[in-house]
PDB file of N, CA and C in Angstrom:
ATOM      1  N   MET A   1      13.715 -17.998  -6.049  1.00  0.00           N
ATOM      2  CA  MET A   1      13.426 -16.576  -5.971  1.00  0.00           C
ATOM      3  C   MET A   1      12.617 -16.339  -4.699  1.00  0.00           C
ATOM      4  N   ALA A   2      13.000 -15.305  -3.967  1.00  0.00           N
ATOM      5  CA  ALA A   2      12.244 -14.890  -2.785  1.00  0.00           C
ATOM      6  C   ALA A   2      11.466 -13.632  -3.129  1.00  0.00           C
ATOM      7  N   VAL A   3      10.223 -13.598  -2.693  1.00  0.00           N
ATOM      8  CA  VAL A   3       9.359 -12.460  -2.972  1.00  0.00           C
ATOM      9  C   VAL A   3       8.357 -12.319  -1.832  1.00  0.00           C
ATOM     10  N   GLY A   4       7.992 -11.091  -1.539  1.00  0.00           N
ATOM     11  CA  GLY A   4       6.965 -10.834  -0.542  1.00  0.00           C
ATOM     12  C   GLY A   4       7.527 -10.450   0.807  1.00  0.00           C
ATOM     13  N   ALA A   5       7.136  -9.297   1.291  1.00  0.00           N
ATOM     14  CA  ALA A   5       7.517  -8.791   2.617  1.00  0.00           C
ATOM     15  C   ALA A   5       9.028  -8.683   2.794  1.00  0.00           C
ATOM     16  N   ILE A   6       9.739  -8.408   1.723  1.00  0.00           N
ATOM     17  CA  ILE A   6      11.174  -8.114   1.815  1.00  0.00           C
ATOM     18  C   ILE A   6      11.260  -6.597   1.866  1.00  0.00           C
ATOM     19  N   LEU A   7      11.553  -6.091   3.060  1.00  0.00           N
ATOM     20  CA  LEU A   7      11.385  -4.669   3.315  1.00  0.00           C
ATOM     21  C   LEU A   7      12.644  -3.833   3.157  1.00  0.00           C
ATOM     22  N   ASP A   8      13.821  -4.440   3.321  1.00  0.00           N
ATOM     23  CA  ASP A   8      15.040  -3.630   3.257  1.00  0.00           C
ATOM     24  C   ASP A   8      16.226  -4.452   2.768  1.00  0.00           C
ATOM     25  N   GLY A   9      17.306  -3.744   2.528  1.00  0.00           N
ATOM     26  CA  GLY A   9      18.517  -4.374   2.013  1.00  0.00           C
ATOM     27  C   GLY A   9      19.111  -5.440   2.915  1.00  0.00           C
ATOM     28  N   PRO A  10      19.266  -5.159   4.214  1.00  0.00           N
ATOM     29  CA  PRO A  10      19.824  -6.186   5.091  1.00  0.00           C
ATOM     30  C   PRO A  10      18.988  -7.472   5.121  1.00  0.00           C
ATOM     31  N   GLN A  11      17.682  -7.347   5.083  1.00  0.00           N
ATOM     32  CA  GLN A  11      16.830  -8.531   5.047  1.00  0.00           C
ATOM     33  C   GLN A  11      17.050  -9.305   3.738  1.00  0.00           C
ATOM     34  N   ALA A  12      17.099  -8.593   2.623  1.00  0.00           N
ATOM     35  CA  ALA A  12      17.339  -9.233   1.322  1.00  0.00           C
ATOM     36  C   ALA A  12      18.706  -9.913   1.308  1.00  0.00           C
ATOM     37  N   GLU A  13      19.711  -9.238   1.830  1.00  0.00           N
ATOM     38  CA  GLU A  13      21.066  -9.798   1.866  1.00  0.00           C
ATOM     39  C   GLU A  13      21.111 -11.057   2.723  1.00  0.00           C
ATOM     40  N   ALA A  14      20.400 -11.053   3.853  1.00  0.00           N
ATOM     41  CA  ALA A  14      20.373 -12.227   4.728  1.00  0.00           C
ATOM     42  C   ALA A  14      19.729 -13.416   4.025  1.00  0.00           C
ATOM     43  N   ILE A  15      18.671 -13.185   3.278  1.00  0.00           N
ATOM     44  CA  ILE A  15      18.013 -14.264   2.529  1.00  0.00           C
ATOM     45  C   ILE A  15      18.989 -14.894   1.545  1.00  0.00           C
ATOM     46  N   LEU A  16      19.737 -14.053   0.851  1.00  0.00           N
ATOM     47  CA  LEU A  16      20.725 -14.553  -0.113  1.00  0.00           C
ATOM     48  C   LEU A  16      21.879 -15.256   0.592  1.00  0.00           C
ATOM     49  N   ALA A  17      22.404 -14.652   1.642  1.00  0.00           N
ATOM     50  CA  ALA A  17      23.562 -15.205   2.347  1.00  0.00           C
ATOM     51  C   ALA A  17      23.250 -16.548   2.999  1.00  0.00           C
ATOM     52  N   GLU A  18      22.027 -16.716   3.473  1.00  0.00           N
ATOM     53  CA  GLU A  18      21.633 -17.967   4.117  1.00  0.00           C
ATOM     54  C   GLU A  18      21.255 -19.045   3.112  1.00  0.00           C
ATOM     55  N   GLY A  19      21.289 -18.701   1.831  1.00  0.00           N
ATOM     56  CA  GLY A  19      21.007 -19.676   0.784  1.00  0.00           C
ATOM     57  C   GLY A  19      19.537 -19.999   0.596  1.00  0.00           C
ATOM     58  N   HIS A  20      18.650 -19.140   1.112  1.00  0.00           N
ATOM     59  CA  HIS A  20      17.216 -19.381   0.958  1.00  0.00           C
ATOM     60  C   HIS A  20      16.724 -19.028  -0.443  1.00  0.00           C
ATOM     61  N   ALA A  21      17.498 -18.261  -1.171  1.00  0.00           N
ATOM     62  CA  ALA A  21      17.125 -17.870  -2.533  1.00  0.00           C
ATOM     63  C   ALA A  21      18.372 -17.408  -3.275  1.00  0.00           C
ATOM     64  N   ASP A  22      18.283 -17.466  -4.597  1.00  0.00           N
ATOM     65  CA  ASP A  22      19.352 -16.958  -5.453  1.00  0.00           C
ATOM     66  C   ASP A  22      18.994 -15.597  -6.035  1.00  0.00           C
ATOM     67  N   LEU A  23      17.737 -15.222  -5.895  1.00  0.00           N
ATOM     68  CA  LEU A  23      17.232 -13.988  -6.490  1.00  0.00           C
ATOM     69  C   LEU A  23      16.207 -13.378  -5.549  1.00  0.00           C
ATOM     70  N   ILE A  24      16.266 -12.069  -5.385  1.00  0.00           N
ATOM     71  CA  ILE A  24      15.302 -11.335  -4.581  1.00  0.00           C
ATOM     72  C   ILE A  24      14.441 -10.518  -5.535  1.00  0.00           C
ATOM     73  N   ALA A  25      13.125 -10.629  -5.381  1.00  0.00           N
ATOM     74  CA  ALA A  25      12.203  -9.833  -6.190  1.00  0.00           C
ATOM     75  C   ALA A  25      11.487  -8.848  -5.274  1.00  0.00           C
ATOM     76  N   ILE A  26      11.552  -7.598  -5.626  1.00  0.00           N
ATOM     77  CA  ILE A  26      10.826  -6.589  -4.856  1.00  0.00           C
ATOM     78  C   ILE A  26       9.843  -5.919  -5.798  1.00  0.00           C
ATOM     79  N   GLY A  27       8.730  -5.544  -5.290  1.00  0.00           N
ATOM     80  CA  GLY A  27       7.724  -4.890  -6.118  1.00  0.00           C
ATOM     81  C   GLY A  27       7.018  -3.819  -5.332  1.00  0.00           C
ATOM     82  N   ARG A  28       6.207  -4.235  -4.395  1.00  0.00           N
ATOM     83  CA  ARG A  28       5.421  -3.271  -3.630  1.00  0.00           C
ATOM     84  C   ARG A  28       6.288  -2.330  -2.809  1.00  0.00           C
ATOM     85  N   GLU A  29       7.427  -2.800  -2.346  1.00  0.00           N
ATOM     86  CA  GLU A  29       8.316  -1.911  -1.577  1.00  0.00           C
ATOM     87  C   GLU A  29       8.810  -0.750  -2.435  1.00  0.00           C
ATOM     88  N   LEU A  30       8.882  -0.951  -3.750  1.00  0.00           N
ATOM     89  CA  LEU A  30       9.259   0.150  -4.640  1.00  0.00           C
ATOM     90  C   LEU A  30       8.177   1.229  -4.678  1.00  0.00           C
ATOM     91  N   LEU A  31       6.947   0.857  -4.384  1.00  0.00           N
ATOM     92  CA  LEU A  31       5.884   1.859  -4.291  1.00  0.00           C
ATOM     93  C   LEU A  31       6.068   2.705  -3.038  1.00  0.00           C
ATOM     94  N   VAL A  32       6.527   2.078  -1.964  1.00  0.00           N
ATOM     95  CA  VAL A  32       6.764   2.781  -0.703  1.00  0.00           C
ATOM     96  C   VAL A  32       8.024   3.629  -0.800  1.00  0.00           C
ATOM     97  N   ASP A  33       9.072   3.061  -1.390  1.00  0.00           N
ATOM     98  CA  ASP A  33      10.368   3.728  -1.498  1.00  0.00           C
ATOM     99  C   ASP A  33      10.901   3.558  -2.915  1.00  0.00           C
ATOM    100  N   PRO A  34      10.629   4.517  -3.803  1.00  0.00           N
ATOM    101  CA  PRO A  34      11.106   4.405  -5.183  1.00  0.00           C
ATOM    102  C   PRO A  34      12.631   4.318  -5.293  1.00  0.00           C
ATOM    103  N   ASN A  35      13.326   4.732  -4.238  1.00  0.00           N
ATOM    104  CA  ASN A  35      14.794   4.641  -4.215  1.00  0.00           C
ATOM    105  C   ASN A  35      15.259   3.453  -3.381  1.00  0.00           C
ATOM    106  N   TRP A  36      14.492   2.350  -3.412  1.00  0.00           N
ATOM    107  CA  TRP A  36      14.786   1.180  -2.600  1.00  0.00           C
ATOM    108  C   TRP A  36      16.212   0.687  -2.832  1.00  0.00           C
ATOM    109  N   CYS A  37      16.646   0.648  -4.051  1.00  0.00           N
ATOM    110  CA  CYS A  37      18.010   0.158  -4.346  1.00  0.00           C
ATOM    111  C   CYS A  37      19.058   1.018  -3.648  1.00  0.00           C
ATOM    112  N   LEU A  38      18.876   2.314  -3.683  1.00  0.00           N
ATOM    113  CA  LEU A  38      19.802   3.216  -3.003  1.00  0.00           C
ATOM    114  C   LEU A  38      19.703   3.042  -1.493  1.00  0.00           C
ATOM    115  N   SER A  39      18.491   2.951  -0.966  1.00  0.00           N
ATOM    116  CA  SER A  39      18.306   2.753   0.475  1.00  0.00           C
ATOM    117  C   SER A  39      18.995   1.468   0.933  1.00  0.00           C
ATOM    118  N   ALA A  40      18.859   0.412   0.141  1.00  0.00           N
ATOM    119  CA  ALA A  40      19.494  -0.863   0.472  1.00  0.00           C
ATOM    120  C   ALA A  40      21.013  -0.735   0.437  1.00  0.00           C
ATOM    121  N   ALA A  41      21.525  -0.080  -0.583  1.00  0.00           N
ATOM    122  CA  ALA A  41      22.982   0.094  -0.689  1.00  0.00           C
ATOM    123  C   ALA A  41      23.529   0.911   0.481  1.00  0.00           C
ATOM    124  N   LEU A  42      22.808   1.938   0.891  1.00  0.00           N
ATOM    125  CA  LEU A  42      23.237   2.750   2.037  1.00  0.00           C
ATOM    126  C   LEU A  42      23.167   1.933   3.330  1.00  0.00           C
ATOM    127  N   ALA A  43      22.097   1.167   3.508  1.00  0.00           N
ATOM    128  CA  ALA A  43      21.944   0.355   4.720  1.00  0.00           C
ATOM    129  C   ALA A  43      23.007  -0.733   4.819  1.00  0.00           C
ATOM    130  N   LEU A  44      23.459  -1.216   3.665  1.00  0.00           N
ATOM    131  CA  LEU A  44      24.483  -2.257   3.637  1.00  0.00           C
ATOM    132  C   LEU A  44      25.895  -1.677   3.593  1.00  0.00           C
ATOM    133  N   HIS A  45      25.991  -0.362   3.721  1.00  0.00           N
ATOM    134  CA  HIS A  45      27.281   0.346   3.754  1.00  0.00           C
ATOM    135  C   HIS A  45      28.134   0.048   2.524  1.00  0.00           C
ATOM    136  N   SER A  46      27.486   0.086   1.371  1.00  0.00           N
ATOM    137  CA  SER A  46      28.176  -0.118   0.106  1.00  0.00           C
ATOM    138  C   SER A  46      29.241   0.969  -0.085  1.00  0.00           C
ATOM    139  N   GLU A  47      30.362   0.600  -0.675  1.00  0.00           N
ATOM    140  CA  GLU A  47      31.431   1.579  -0.920  1.00  0.00           C
ATOM    141  C   GLU A  47      30.991   2.634  -1.923  1.00  0.00           C
ATOM    142  N   GLN A  48      30.164   2.254  -2.878  1.00  0.00           N
ATOM    143  CA  GLN A  48      29.664   3.192  -3.887  1.00  0.00           C
ATOM    144  C   GLN A  48      28.153   3.033  -4.007  1.00  0.00           C
ATOM    145  N   PRO A  49      27.406   3.482  -3.006  1.00  0.00           N
ATOM    146  CA  PRO A  49      25.965   3.239  -3.023  1.00  0.00           C
ATOM    147  C   PRO A  49      25.229   3.879  -4.197  1.00  0.00           C
ATOM    148  N   PHE A  50      25.725   4.996  -4.697  1.00  0.00           N
ATOM    149  CA  PHE A  50      25.024   5.678  -5.782  1.00  0.00           C
ATOM    150  C   PHE A  50      25.267   5.027  -7.135  1.00  0.00           C
ATOM    151  N   ALA A  51      26.176   4.073  -7.194  1.00  0.00           N
ATOM    152  CA  ALA A  51      26.448   3.363  -8.444  1.00  0.00           C
ATOM    153  C   ALA A  51      25.310   2.417  -8.826  1.00  0.00           C
ATOM    154  N   VAL A  52      24.373   2.155  -7.906  1.00  0.00           N
ATOM    155  CA  VAL A  52      23.251   1.263  -8.214  1.00  0.00           C
ATOM    156  C   VAL A  52      22.177   1.972  -9.033  1.00  0.00           C
ATOM    157  N   LEU A  53      22.307   3.275  -9.195  1.00  0.00           N
ATOM    158  CA  LEU A  53      21.309   4.062  -9.918  1.00  0.00           C
ATOM    159  C   LEU A  53      21.872   4.599 -11.222  1.00  0.00           C
ATOM    160  N   PRO A  54      21.011   4.847 -12.192  1.00  0.00           N
ATOM    161  CA  PRO A  54      21.467   5.525 -13.402  1.00  0.00           C
ATOM    162  C   PRO A  54      21.989   6.920 -13.039  1.00  0.00           C
ATOM    163  N   ARG A  55      22.994   7.383 -13.725  1.00  0.00           N
ATOM    164  CA  ARG A  55      23.618   8.677 -13.435  1.00  0.00           C
ATOM    165  C   ARG A  55      22.591   9.812 -13.448  1.00  0.00           C
ATOM    166  N   ALA A  56      21.587   9.710 -14.314  1.00  0.00           N
ATOM    167  CA  ALA A  56      20.581  10.768 -14.392  1.00  0.00           C
ATOM    168  C   ALA A  56      19.831  10.945 -13.070  1.00  0.00           C
ATOM    169  N   TYR A  57      19.739   9.886 -12.279  1.00  0.00           N
ATOM    170  CA  TYR A  57      19.080   9.967 -10.973  1.00  0.00           C
ATOM    171  C   TYR A  57      20.078  10.197  -9.855  1.00  0.00           C
ATOM    172  N   SER A  58      21.201   9.537  -9.947  1.00  0.00           N
ATOM    173  CA  SER A  58      22.137   9.509  -8.820  1.00  0.00           C
ATOM    174  C   SER A  58      22.825  10.844  -8.565  1.00  0.00           C
ATOM    175  N   PHE A  59      23.007  11.670  -9.591  1.00  0.00           N
ATOM    176  CA  PHE A  59      23.756  12.908  -9.371  1.00  0.00           C
ATOM    177  C   PHE A  59      23.078  13.780  -8.317  1.00  0.00           C
ATOM    178  N   TYR A  60      21.753  13.868  -8.380  1.00  0.00           N
ATOM    179  CA  TYR A  60      21.043  14.694  -7.401  1.00  0.00           C
ATOM    180  C   TYR A  60      21.027  14.035  -6.025  1.00  0.00           C
ATOM    181  N   LEU A  61      20.736  12.749  -5.979  1.00  0.00           N
ATOM    182  CA  LEU A  61      20.640  12.059  -4.693  1.00  0.00           C
ATOM    183  C   LEU A  61      21.979  12.020  -3.971  1.00  0.00           C
ATOM    184  N   GLU A  62      23.055  11.876  -4.726  1.00  0.00           N
ATOM    185  CA  GLU A  62      24.388  11.879  -4.112  1.00  0.00           C
ATOM    186  C   GLU A  62      24.695  13.262  -3.529  1.00  0.00           C
ATOM    187  N   ARG A  63      24.370  14.287  -4.281  1.00  0.00           N
ATOM    188  CA  ARG A  63      24.587  15.655  -3.801  1.00  0.00           C
ATOM    189  C   ARG A  63      23.714  15.937  -2.578  1.00  0.00           C
ATOM    190  N   ARG A  64      22.479  15.482  -2.604  1.00  0.00           N
ATOM    191  CA  ARG A  64      21.552  15.656  -1.481  1.00  0.00           C
ATOM    192  C   ARG A  64      22.079  14.963  -0.230  1.00  0.00           C
ATOM    193  N   GLU A  65      22.618  13.771  -0.378  1.00  0.00           N
ATOM    194  CA  GLU A  65      23.142  13.009   0.754  1.00  0.00           C
ATOM    195  C   GLU A  65      24.294  13.763   1.423  1.00  0.00           C
ATOM    196  N   LYS A  66      25.145  14.386   0.632  1.00  0.00           N
ATOM    197  CA  LYS A  66      26.268  15.147   1.196  1.00  0.00           C
ATOM    198  C   LYS A  66      25.764  16.333   1.992  1.00  0.00           C
ATOM    199  N   VAL A  67      24.717  16.989   1.520  1.00  0.00           N
ATOM    200  CA  VAL A  67      24.137  18.121   2.255  1.00  0.00           C
ATOM    201  C   VAL A  67      23.536  17.632   3.571  1.00  0.00           C
ATOM    202  N   LEU A  68      22.875  16.499   3.558  1.00  0.00           N
ATOM    203  CA  LEU A  68      22.243  15.956   4.760  1.00  0.00           C
ATOM    204  C   LEU A  68      23.270  15.513   5.804  1.00  0.00           C
ATOM    205  N   GLU A  69      24.455  15.137   5.361  1.00  0.00           N
ATOM    206  CA  GLU A  69      25.511  14.696   6.283  1.00  0.00           C
ATOM    207  C   GLU A  69      26.100  15.841   7.093  1.00  0.00           C
ATOM    208  N   ARG A  70      25.960  17.069   6.615  1.00  0.00           N
ATOM    209  CA  ARG A  70      26.554  18.223   7.301  1.00  0.00           C
ATOM    210  C   ARG A  70      25.980  18.462   8.639  1.00  0.00           C
TER     211      ARG A  70
END
C-alpha cells in the first residue's frame, strides 16, 4: 500500500503501473479536494469519470462540468 503525498490521479496511477504498490490510500488530499476521485478520473481521461461517484453526487457535478465546457 502506498500512502502519503499522493496528490493526484496520474501520480497514483504511476505508482500502481510501476508496481510500487497494489493499493493507493489517500486521506489528507480528500480534505483539500473532497471530489478527489472525480478529479483523478478527469485527469486520467476516464471514459466515464462520473461513474466513480454515487449518483446522488454525480448528477450535479456532471451537469456542472458540461456548463463549464461551454
